[in-house]
Amino acid sequence: MSLPLVVRAQNGGEIRLFRHGVASGDPLPDRVILWTRVTPPPTRSATGPIQVRWQLADDERLASVVASGTTEASAARDFTVKVDAGGLRPGQTYYYAFDAGGEQSPVARTRTLPAQADRVRLATVSCANYATGYFNVYRCLANRDELDAIVHLGDYIYEFANGVYGDASEIGRVPLGDGEAATLDQYRARYAAYRSDPDLQAVHARHPFVTVWDDHESANNAWAGGSESHTAAKGSWPVRQMEAYRAYLEWMPIRESSDAGIHLYRGFRIGTLADLVMLDTRALRDKQATSTDTAMLADPARSILGRTQESWLFDQLRTSQRGGTTWRLLGQQVVFAPVTPPGVPVLQVDAWDGYPAARGRVLDFFSAEKISNVVVLTGDIHSSWASDIPRDQIFGYQAATGAGSLAVEIVTPAISSPPLFSIQGVRERVPLLRLAAPHVKYLDGDHRGYVLLDITHDRVTADWYHVSTVTQRTDRETRSARYVCERGGNRLVTG
């Protein structure tokens, strides 16, 4: 069923209080996060709380209510509201809405994860730049009924000032404001601008999201102690990073950790079919090396996950494998598979190629613990990739049979950000990459889109869907590629 282009109030009237739509996320078999924001009326004090009622029902008319309650929207959380609605049945579709001040929000759909399943369907997305194009990918996904959840792998917003990485006014987009987002109020305003988009509202109203951030939710090429674009003139990096994190938690339908500091890594169990492990390869990492700093690149102590998260990942993988779960899905941000030819300076120091010791520890763990059926889900690079993951792409790997591959990687293209091949000189490097990296089975750097994952106990099937344009609104899409990982194969073949 296709949704209308503009999500409107339940009575068909103008939306005054719920201008940023509704959303759901972090589904579990018995609960799901419900989210909205109440825009304070201009005649009302901006500091007083607003009473908000929520309902969750079995039907779209909200006649059969299974859970309900009241909460408050306050200035302390930018008038955003999150409810962890529990006591639900596994693998069920529900409908929910909020009301406040005599107005009801749009009625939206969500779904709990199954407690046991023989099949689940997920979509992966990343990199939605408001200034460079319309969110047609979100519209295409809003038109789908069959998804259990959407996995957003980061760059939900971009912090750049308008005109730095695209100009919203050139395609008639609502202006984002002139400045870069670097403070709590500026990050909040950026989310508000993005959430005004009807296609983004529509996809949130149709499917639950599982999200994690990348760098542009804080600053370009961020790491634990700074960012490529952050300067002292923009204030303290620890303050900026924590304010970016606070705004992210406020505006995303994510279940929040009680731990101090930044903690976005978490796991989702889908019966014995799959464990979805969401990783943060951005906020806890060591600083990026330069491409020619061989000593720093070889430093065995450097980490892209941080020591605590890396240990947690190993525990999750070990428990999943020993517990008999079929698949392990790792949702993370930057390209994991090796793509730098031997003897050449590292091409992507911001990706796992720039942290070879950290990647080596993960792959050694796969081997030592006999961890199999791992599918790495990646965003960030604005292109579509399908790759085997060998310990060494030259020695010990056979491209024809996949022998030597320990896992596979599925990279989703951008939603609207400029494609990889729009960067001067990148397309010309592809022939060398294909020679030096035979484990890369598929690479498209020209299109935006998403990946649809169909997961059964026997196989994971990945379909790449590309949209025709982002400079005008459309829901036209084309399936461009299909690759399959068979259970126990640890390699990709064309489907």
Protein backbone atom coordinates (compact mmCIF):
# COMPACT_ATOMS: atom_id res chain seq x y z
CA MET A 1 0.00 0.00 0.00
CA SER A 2 1.39 3.41 -0.98
CA LEU A 3 1.10 6.20 1.55
CA PRO A 4 0.02 9.71 0.59
CA LEU A 5 2.87 12.08 -0.11
CA VAL A 6 2.03 14.23 2.93
CA VAL A 7 1.22 12.66 6.29
CA ARG A 8 -1.76 14.54 7.73
CA ALA A 9 -3.64 14.58 10.99
CA GLN A 10 -6.10 11.77 11.57
CA ASN A 11 -9.06 14.04 10.87
CA GLY A 12 -7.46 15.28 7.65
CA GLY A 13 -6.81 18.73 9.06
CA GLU A 14 -3.66 20.75 9.49
CA ILE A 15 -1.01 19.40 11.84
CA ARG A 16 -0.15 22.06 14.39
CA LEU A 17 1.38 20.27 17.35
CA PHE A 18 2.79 17.10 15.71
CA ARG A 19 4.69 18.75 12.88
CA HIS A 20 7.57 16.30 13.03
CA GLY A 21 5.49 13.17 12.75
CA VAL A 22 5.74 10.04 14.82
CA ALA A 23 8.19 7.15 14.84
CA SER A 24 8.95 3.81 16.43
CA GLY A 25 12.15 1.90 16.97
CA ASP A 26 14.29 -0.66 18.79
CA PRO A 27 11.62 -3.37 18.56
CA LEU A 28 11.90 -6.39 20.83
CA PRO A 29 9.52 -9.38 21.00
CA ASP A 30 7.53 -7.75 23.82
CA ARG A 31 8.05 -4.00 23.42
CA VAL A 32 8.88 -1.11 21.12
CA ILE A 33 9.88 2.54 21.49
CA LEU A 34 7.27 5.10 20.40
CA TRP A 35 8.39 8.67 19.59
CA THR A 36 6.95 12.05 18.73
CA ARG A 37 7.58 15.76 19.24
CA VAL A 38 5.02 18.31 20.33
CA THR A 39 5.60 21.77 18.86
CA PRO A 40 4.64 24.28 21.56
CA PRO A 41 1.96 26.74 20.38
CA PRO A 42 3.40 30.25 19.92
CA THR A 43 0.98 31.65 22.51
CA ARG A 44 2.18 29.21 25.18
CA SER A 45 5.08 29.46 27.60
CA ALA A 46 8.07 27.62 26.14
CA THR A 47 9.14 26.33 29.53
CA GLY A 48 6.05 24.57 30.83
CA PRO A 49 5.49 20.85 30.19
CA ILE A 50 2.78 19.63 27.83
CA GLN A 51 0.67 16.61 28.75
CA VAL A 52 0.74 13.93 26.05
CA ARG A 53 -1.40 10.80 25.84
CA TRP A 54 -0.39 7.76 23.80
CA GLN A 55 -2.27 4.69 22.61
CA LEU A 56 -1.18 1.47 20.93
CA ALA A 57 -3.77 -0.82 19.39
CA ASP A 58 -4.30 -3.89 17.24
CA ASP A 59 -6.15 -1.91 14.58
CA GLU A 60 -5.60 1.26 12.58
CA ARG A 61 -8.74 2.89 14.00
CA LEU A 62 -7.32 2.44 17.52
CA ALA A 63 -10.53 0.70 18.60
CA SER A 64 -8.76 -2.27 20.21
CA VAL A 65 -6.24 -0.60 22.53
CA VAL A 66 -3.66 -2.92 24.10
CA ALA A 67 -1.48 -0.29 25.83
CA SER A 68 -1.84 3.38 26.70
CA GLY A 69 -0.57 6.02 29.05
CA THR A 70 0.35 9.65 29.59
CA THR A 71 3.67 11.43 29.66
CA GLU A 72 5.05 14.95 29.36
CA ALA A 73 6.83 16.86 26.63
CA SER A 74 9.15 19.46 28.11
CA ALA A 75 11.80 21.95 27.07
CA ALA A 76 14.44 19.82 28.82
CA ARG A 77 14.15 17.29 25.96
CA ASP A 78 13.19 19.74 23.23
CA PHE A 79 9.54 18.68 23.67
CA THR A 80 10.31 15.22 22.27
CA VAL A 81 8.55 12.24 23.80
CA LYS A 82 9.63 8.61 24.00
CA VAL A 83 7.63 5.73 25.42
CA ASP A 84 8.88 2.16 25.87
CA ALA A 85 5.56 0.38 25.27
CA GLY A 86 5.75 -3.10 26.79
CA GLY A 87 3.61 -6.17 27.37
CA LEU A 88 3.22 -6.78 23.63
CA ARG A 89 3.00 -9.97 21.59
CA PRO A 90 5.98 -11.06 19.46
CA GLY A 91 5.95 -10.69 15.70
CA GLN A 92 2.79 -8.57 15.68
CA THR A 93 1.77 -5.43 13.82
CA TYR A 94 0.42 -2.60 15.96
CA TYR A 95 -0.87 0.92 15.41
CA TYR A 96 -0.24 3.91 17.63
CA ALA A 97 -0.88 7.63 17.99
CA PHE A 98 -0.37 10.50 20.40
CA ASP A 99 -2.68 13.34 21.37
CA ALA A 100 -2.08 16.64 23.11
CA GLY A 101 -3.91 19.95 23.33
CA GLY A 102 -6.97 18.56 21.59
CA GLU A 103 -5.02 17.36 18.53
CA GLN A 104 -4.23 13.77 17.56
CA SER A 105 -1.05 12.83 15.75
CA PRO A 106 -1.07 10.75 12.58
CA VAL A 107 -1.79 7.08 13.26
CA ALA A 108 1.30 5.02 12.49
CA ARG A 109 2.22 1.37 12.20
CA THR A 110 4.93 -0.55 14.03
CA ARG A 111 5.90 -4.16 14.63
CA THR A 112 7.53 -6.23 17.36
CA LEU A 113 10.30 -8.67 16.55
CA PRO A 114 9.31 -12.34 16.40
CA ALA A 115 10.34 -14.59 19.28
CA GLN A 116 10.91 -17.35 16.75
CA ALA A 117 11.05 -16.94 12.99
CA ASP A 118 11.90 -18.82 9.83
CA ARG A 119 12.10 -15.59 7.84
CA VAL A 120 12.66 -11.90 8.48
CA ARG A 121 13.01 -8.98 6.09
CA LEU A 122 15.10 -5.91 6.86
CA ALA A 123 16.19 -2.88 4.85
CA THR A 124 19.48 -1.04 5.35
CA VAL A 125 19.97 2.67 4.66
CA SER A 126 22.49 5.42 5.36
CA CYS A 127 23.61 8.94 4.47
CA ALA A 128 20.60 11.22 4.05
CA ASN A 129 21.82 14.69 3.11
CA TYR A 130 18.87 17.09 3.11
CA ALA A 131 20.71 19.72 1.07
CA THR A 132 21.63 17.49 -1.87
CA GLY A 133 18.34 15.83 -2.69
CA TYR A 134 14.90 14.54 -1.84
CA PHE A 135 14.45 11.48 0.36
CA ASN A 136 13.00 9.29 -2.41
CA VAL A 137 14.59 6.22 -0.86
CA TYR A 138 12.52 6.76 2.27
CA ARG A 139 9.42 7.10 0.08
CA CYS A 140 10.16 3.78 -1.65
CA LEU A 141 10.54 2.06 1.70
CA ALA A 142 7.35 3.65 3.02
CA ASN A 143 5.57 1.99 0.08
CA ARG A 144 6.66 -1.46 1.25
CA ASP A 145 4.51 -3.48 3.64
CA GLU A 146 6.65 -6.56 4.21
CA LEU A 147 9.55 -5.16 6.27
CA ASP A 148 10.11 -6.17 9.87
CA ALA A 149 12.40 -3.18 10.49
CA ILE A 150 14.68 -0.65 8.83
CA VAL A 151 18.32 -0.59 9.95
CA HIS A 152 19.76 2.93 9.67
CA LEU A 153 23.56 2.78 9.65
CA GLY A 154 24.28 6.44 10.24
CA ASP A 155 24.43 9.97 8.84
CA TYR A 156 20.75 10.47 9.59
CA ILE A 157 21.54 14.20 9.45
CA TYR A 158 24.45 16.28 8.16
CA GLU A 159 25.90 19.01 10.34
CA PHE A 160 27.33 21.17 7.54
CA ALA A 161 26.20 24.72 6.90
CA ASN A 162 23.92 24.96 3.89
CA GLY A 163 26.03 25.40 0.75
CA VAL A 164 29.04 23.49 2.06
CA TYR A 165 27.90 20.04 0.90
CA GLY A 166 24.94 20.87 -1.30
CA ASP A 167 22.58 23.85 -1.38
CA ALA A 168 19.01 23.08 -0.34
CA SER A 169 17.68 26.21 -2.02
CA GLU A 170 18.81 25.02 -5.47
CA ILE A 171 16.24 22.21 -5.48
CA GLY A 172 13.55 24.02 -3.54
CA ARG A 173 14.15 22.35 -0.19
CA VAL A 174 13.19 24.17 2.99
CA PRO A 175 16.27 26.13 4.12
CA LEU A 176 18.35 24.49 6.79
CA GLY A 177 19.77 27.70 8.19
CA ASP A 178 23.08 29.22 7.31
CA GLY A 179 25.32 27.87 10.05
CA GLU A 180 26.95 24.57 10.92
CA ALA A 181 25.32 22.54 13.69
CA ALA A 182 27.77 22.56 16.60
CA THR A 183 25.67 23.25 19.73
CA LEU A 184 22.73 21.49 21.34
CA ASP A 185 20.22 24.02 20.00
CA GLN A 186 21.73 23.82 16.52
CA TYR A 187 21.65 20.01 16.45
CA ARG A 188 18.04 20.09 17.64
CA ALA A 189 17.15 22.55 14.88
CA ARG A 190 18.84 20.33 12.30
CA TYR A 191 16.80 17.29 13.35
CA ALA A 192 13.65 19.42 13.27
CA ALA A 193 14.41 20.47 9.69
CA TYR A 194 14.99 16.88 8.58
CA ARG A 195 11.90 15.62 10.39
CA SER A 196 9.79 18.17 8.52
CA ASP A 197 10.35 16.11 5.36
CA PRO A 198 7.16 14.23 4.35
CA ASP A 199 9.01 11.19 3.00
CA LEU A 200 10.99 10.78 6.20
CA GLN A 201 7.80 11.13 8.22
CA ALA A 202 6.08 8.57 5.98
CA VAL A 203 8.74 5.87 6.39
CA HIS A 204 8.82 6.36 10.16
CA ALA A 205 5.03 6.03 10.20
CA ARG A 206 5.24 2.71 8.35
CA HIS A 207 8.20 0.80 9.90
CA PRO A 208 10.19 0.59 13.16
CA PHE A 209 13.81 1.74 12.90
CA VAL A 210 16.97 0.35 14.47
CA THR A 211 19.55 3.14 14.30
CA VAL A 212 23.13 4.00 15.10
CA TRP A 213 25.03 7.16 14.24
CA ASP A 214 28.05 7.82 12.05
CA ASP A 215 30.09 11.02 11.95
CA HIS A 216 27.73 13.68 10.58
CA GLU A 217 25.42 13.47 13.57
CA SER A 218 28.33 15.20 15.33
CA ALA A 219 31.08 16.35 12.92
CA ASN A 220 32.88 15.16 9.81
CA ASN A 221 35.29 12.23 10.34
CA ALA A 222 34.73 12.32 14.09
CA TRP A 223 36.70 10.21 16.57
CA ALA A 224 36.66 10.00 20.37
CA GLY A 225 38.85 13.07 20.84
CA GLY A 226 37.86 15.34 17.97
CA SER A 227 36.98 15.61 14.31
CA GLU A 228 38.54 16.56 11.01
CA SER A 229 36.39 19.70 10.85
CA HIS A 230 36.20 20.69 14.53
CA THR A 231 38.32 23.64 15.62
CA ALA A 232 38.87 25.41 18.92
CA ALA A 233 36.78 28.30 17.60
CA LYS A 234 33.77 25.95 17.71
CA GLY A 235 34.25 25.30 21.40
CA SER A 236 35.14 22.21 23.42
CA TRP A 237 34.99 18.91 21.53
CA PRO A 238 33.82 16.85 24.56
CA VAL A 239 30.99 19.34 25.09
CA ARG A 240 30.06 19.32 21.40
CA GLN A 241 30.15 15.53 21.16
CA MET A 242 27.93 15.08 24.21
CA GLU A 243 25.46 17.71 22.99
CA ALA A 244 25.29 15.96 19.62
CA TYR A 245 24.68 12.70 21.48
CA ARG A 246 21.96 14.29 23.62
CA ALA A 247 20.13 15.63 20.56
CA TYR A 248 20.44 12.21 18.87
CA LEU A 249 18.85 10.47 21.85
CA GLU A 250 16.08 13.05 22.00
CA TRP A 251 15.13 12.87 18.34
CA MET A 252 15.63 9.17 17.55
CA PRO A 253 13.32 6.28 18.52
CA ILE A 254 16.14 4.52 20.33
CA ARG A 255 16.20 2.78 23.72
CA GLU A 256 18.62 4.71 25.90
CA SER A 257 21.41 3.20 27.98
CA SER A 258 21.80 4.11 31.63
CA ASP A 259 25.59 3.99 31.28
CA ALA A 260 27.57 7.19 31.57
CA GLY A 261 29.10 8.50 28.34
CA ILE A 262 28.21 7.49 24.80
CA HIS A 263 26.68 4.03 24.55
CA LEU A 264 24.88 3.22 21.30
CA TYR A 265 26.03 -0.38 20.80
CA ARG A 266 23.33 -2.94 21.56
CA GLY A 267 21.90 -6.24 20.35
CA PHE A 268 18.59 -7.58 19.02
CA ARG A 269 17.71 -11.28 19.02
CA ILE A 270 15.37 -12.66 16.36
CA GLY A 271 14.77 -16.10 17.84
CA THR A 272 17.37 -18.60 16.66
CA LEU A 273 17.31 -17.10 13.17
CA ALA A 274 19.57 -14.07 13.66
CA ASP A 275 21.26 -11.78 16.13
CA LEU A 276 21.48 -8.16 14.99
CA VAL A 277 24.47 -6.51 16.70
CA MET A 278 24.63 -2.74 16.30
CA LEU A 279 28.09 -1.22 16.63
CA ASP A 280 29.42 2.33 17.03
CA THR A 281 32.62 2.60 15.00
CA ARG A 282 32.67 6.37 15.33
CA ALA A 283 32.45 7.91 18.80
CA LEU A 284 34.77 5.54 20.67
CA ARG A 285 37.54 5.10 18.11
CA ASP A 286 41.17 6.23 18.23
CA LYS A 287 42.25 9.05 15.96
CA GLN A 288 42.63 8.30 12.26
CA ALA A 289 46.16 7.87 10.93
CA THR A 290 47.43 9.51 7.79
CA SER A 291 47.69 7.22 4.77
CA THR A 292 51.50 7.23 4.91
CA ASP A 293 52.00 6.91 8.68
CA THR A 294 52.92 3.24 8.63
CA ALA A 295 53.94 3.16 12.29
CA MET A 296 50.60 4.51 13.48
CA LEU A 297 48.69 2.26 11.11
CA ALA A 298 50.56 -0.79 12.43
CA ASP A 299 50.10 0.11 16.10
CA PRO A 300 48.49 -3.00 17.63
CA ALA A 301 46.83 -0.98 20.38
CA ARG A 302 44.71 1.20 18.09
CA SER A 303 41.00 0.52 18.08
CA ILE A 304 38.00 1.53 16.01
CA LEU A 305 35.53 0.25 18.59
CA GLY A 306 37.21 1.05 21.88
CA ARG A 307 38.28 -1.67 24.30
CA THR A 308 34.95 -2.03 26.13
CA GLN A 309 32.82 -2.26 22.99
CA GLU A 310 35.27 -4.67 21.33
CA SER A 311 35.08 -7.00 24.31
CA TRP A 312 31.28 -6.71 24.29
CA LEU A 313 31.21 -7.61 20.59
CA PHE A 314 33.25 -10.74 21.18
CA ASP A 315 30.89 -11.78 24.00
CA GLN A 316 27.88 -11.23 21.73
CA LEU A 317 29.39 -13.29 18.92
CA ARG A 318 30.47 -16.10 21.19
CA THR A 319 27.06 -16.33 22.86
CA SER A 320 25.28 -16.23 19.53
CA GLN A 321 27.41 -18.97 17.95
CA ARG A 322 27.31 -21.26 20.97
CA GLY A 323 23.58 -20.68 21.39
CA GLY A 324 22.85 -22.11 17.95
CA THR A 325 21.65 -18.90 16.31
CA THR A 326 22.01 -19.21 12.54
CA TRP A 327 23.11 -15.69 11.49
CA ARG A 328 25.10 -12.88 13.05
CA LEU A 329 24.36 -9.47 11.47
CA LEU A 330 26.78 -6.68 12.39
CA GLY A 331 25.29 -3.23 11.78
CA GLN A 332 28.13 -0.70 11.62
CA GLN A 333 29.31 2.31 9.68
CA VAL A 334 32.51 2.08 7.64
CA VAL A 335 33.83 -0.44 5.10
CA PHE A 336 35.15 -3.52 6.89
CA ALA A 337 36.62 -5.62 4.05
CA PRO A 338 40.20 -4.82 2.98
CA VAL A 339 40.26 -2.72 -0.18
CA THR A 340 43.78 -1.25 -0.24
CA PRO A 341 46.10 -3.04 -2.72
CA PRO A 342 49.39 -4.27 -1.21
CA GLY A 343 52.18 -1.72 -1.37
CA VAL A 344 49.78 1.20 -1.85
CA PRO A 345 49.05 3.87 0.80
CA VAL A 346 45.80 3.19 2.60
CA LEU A 347 42.92 4.48 0.50
CA GLN A 348 40.43 4.89 3.35
CA VAL A 349 42.08 5.70 6.67
CA ASP A 350 38.63 6.43 8.12
CA ALA A 351 37.47 2.85 7.43
CA TRP A 352 38.69 -0.46 8.89
CA ASP A 353 41.63 -0.37 6.44
CA GLY A 354 42.94 2.43 8.64
CA TYR A 355 42.69 0.19 11.72
CA PRO A 356 44.23 -3.09 10.50
CA ALA A 357 45.11 -4.39 13.96
CA ALA A 358 41.53 -3.91 15.16
CA ARG A 359 40.16 -5.71 12.11
CA GLY A 360 42.74 -8.44 12.58
CA ARG A 361 41.55 -9.03 16.15
CA VAL A 362 37.97 -9.45 14.92
CA LEU A 363 38.95 -11.86 12.15
CA ASP A 364 41.25 -13.81 14.46
CA PHE A 365 38.32 -14.12 16.85
CA PHE A 366 36.17 -15.51 14.04
CA SER A 367 38.81 -18.16 13.39
CA ALA A 368 39.61 -19.01 17.00
CA GLU A 369 35.97 -19.30 18.09
CA LYS A 370 34.77 -20.80 14.78
CA ILE A 371 32.32 -17.93 14.32
CA SER A 372 30.45 -18.47 11.06
CA ASN A 373 27.55 -16.97 9.10
CA VAL A 374 28.52 -13.36 9.77
CA VAL A 375 27.06 -10.62 7.55
CA VAL A 376 28.55 -7.17 8.05
CA LEU A 377 26.09 -4.38 7.22
CA THR A 378 27.79 -1.12 6.27
CA GLY A 379 26.93 2.43 5.17
CA ASP A 380 29.03 5.63 4.97
CA ILE A 381 30.66 5.32 1.53
CA HIS A 382 27.71 6.37 -0.71
CA SER A 383 27.93 3.31 -2.93
CA SER A 384 26.83 -0.31 -3.26
CA TRP A 385 29.27 -3.14 -2.49
CA ALA A 386 29.08 -6.90 -2.06
CA SER A 387 32.29 -8.41 -0.70
CA ASP A 388 33.72 -11.54 0.80
CA ILE A 389 35.91 -10.86 3.84
CA PRO A 390 39.19 -12.81 3.73
CA ARG A 391 41.95 -12.52 6.32
CA ASP A 392 44.23 -11.60 3.41
CA GLN A 393 42.85 -10.59 0.02
CA ILE A 394 45.86 -11.89 -1.88
CA PHE A 395 47.12 -14.97 -0.05
CA GLY A 396 44.81 -17.67 1.25
CA TYR A 397 41.71 -16.51 -0.64
CA GLN A 398 40.31 -18.09 -3.80
CA ALA A 399 37.91 -15.81 -5.64
CA ALA A 400 36.37 -18.61 -7.70
CA THR A 401 35.31 -20.70 -4.71
CA GLY A 402 35.30 -18.18 -1.85
CA ALA A 403 37.73 -20.38 0.08
CA GLY A 404 39.44 -18.30 2.74
CA SER A 405 36.53 -15.94 3.29
CA LEU A 406 35.51 -15.63 6.95
CA ALA A 407 32.39 -13.49 6.52
CA VAL A 408 30.63 -11.27 3.97
CA GLU A 409 29.88 -7.56 3.76
CA ILE A 410 26.82 -5.79 2.33
CA VAL A 411 27.29 -2.04 1.79
CA THR A 412 24.20 0.10 1.29
CA PRO A 413 24.33 3.21 -0.92
CA ALA A 414 23.40 6.72 0.19
CA ILE A 415 19.83 7.92 0.51
CA SER A 416 20.56 11.31 -1.06
CA SER A 417 24.24 12.19 -0.51
CA PRO A 418 26.45 12.49 -3.64
CA PRO A 419 27.49 9.06 -4.98
CA LEU A 420 31.06 7.83 -4.55
CA PHE A 421 31.91 8.18 -8.24
CA SER A 422 31.04 11.88 -8.18
CA ILE A 423 34.40 12.38 -6.42
CA GLN A 424 37.03 13.18 -9.03
CA GLY A 425 39.42 10.31 -9.76
CA VAL A 426 37.61 7.59 -7.82
CA ARG A 427 36.01 5.89 -10.81
CA GLU A 428 39.44 5.63 -12.48
CA ARG A 429 40.74 3.57 -9.54
CA VAL A 430 38.15 0.83 -9.90
CA PRO A 431 40.05 -1.32 -12.45
CA LEU A 432 43.02 -1.49 -10.05
CA LEU A 433 40.68 -2.33 -7.18
CA ARG A 434 39.13 -5.19 -9.13
CA LEU A 435 42.58 -6.65 -9.81
CA ALA A 436 43.86 -6.27 -6.26
CA ALA A 437 40.60 -7.06 -4.46
CA PRO A 438 38.97 -10.06 -6.14
CA HIS A 439 36.86 -10.55 -3.01
CA VAL A 440 34.82 -7.46 -4.02
CA LYS A 441 32.04 -9.06 -6.05
CA TYR A 442 29.94 -6.00 -6.81
CA LEU A 443 30.55 -2.25 -6.81
CA ASP A 444 28.24 0.51 -8.02
CA GLY A 445 29.27 4.07 -7.23
CA ASP A 446 26.75 5.96 -9.35
CA HIS A 447 23.42 5.48 -7.61
CA ARG A 448 21.52 6.15 -4.40
CA GLY A 449 19.25 3.55 -2.89
CA TYR A 450 18.90 0.88 -0.22
CA VAL A 451 19.43 -2.83 0.39
CA LEU A 452 16.63 -5.27 1.08
CA LEU A 453 17.68 -8.30 3.16
CA ASP A 454 15.63 -11.49 3.07
CA ILE A 455 16.89 -13.77 5.84
CA THR A 456 16.01 -17.44 6.28
CA HIS A 457 17.86 -20.24 8.05
CA ASP A 458 19.23 -21.37 4.68
CA ARG A 459 20.46 -18.07 3.22
CA VAL A 460 20.66 -14.31 3.36
CA THR A 461 19.59 -12.67 0.10
CA ALA A 462 20.59 -9.05 -0.49
CA ASP A 463 18.85 -6.99 -3.18
CA TRP A 464 20.17 -3.54 -4.09
CA TYR A 465 17.44 -1.09 -5.11
CA HIS A 466 18.43 2.19 -6.75
CA VAL A 467 16.33 5.31 -7.29
CA SER A 468 16.38 7.20 -10.57
CA THR A 469 16.89 10.70 -9.18
CA VAL A 470 16.96 12.79 -6.00
CA THR A 471 16.49 16.20 -7.64
CA GLN A 472 12.73 15.71 -7.91
CA ARG A 473 10.28 13.66 -5.90
CA THR A 474 9.60 10.14 -7.19
CA ASP A 475 9.05 6.63 -5.87
CA ARG A 476 10.48 4.98 -8.97
CA GLU A 477 13.09 2.34 -8.13
CA THR A 478 15.01 -0.43 -9.90
CA ARG A 479 16.48 -3.63 -8.52
CA SER A 480 20.09 -3.48 -9.67
CA ALA A 481 21.78 -6.50 -8.12
CA ARG A 482 21.20 -9.61 -6.01
CA TYR A 483 23.79 -11.54 -4.01
CA VAL A 484 23.28 -14.53 -1.75
CA CYS A 485 25.19 -15.95 1.20
CA GLU A 486 24.30 -19.59 1.80
CA ARG A 487 24.38 -20.93 5.34
CA GLY A 488 27.88 -22.17 6.13
CA GLY A 489 29.32 -20.67 2.94
CA ASN A 490 30.75 -17.40 4.30
CA ARG A 491 30.87 -16.08 0.74
CA LEU A 492 28.64 -14.24 -1.71
CA VAL A 493 27.35 -15.55 -5.03
CA THR A 494 25.02 -13.96 -7.53
CA GLY A 495 21.37 -14.75 -6.93
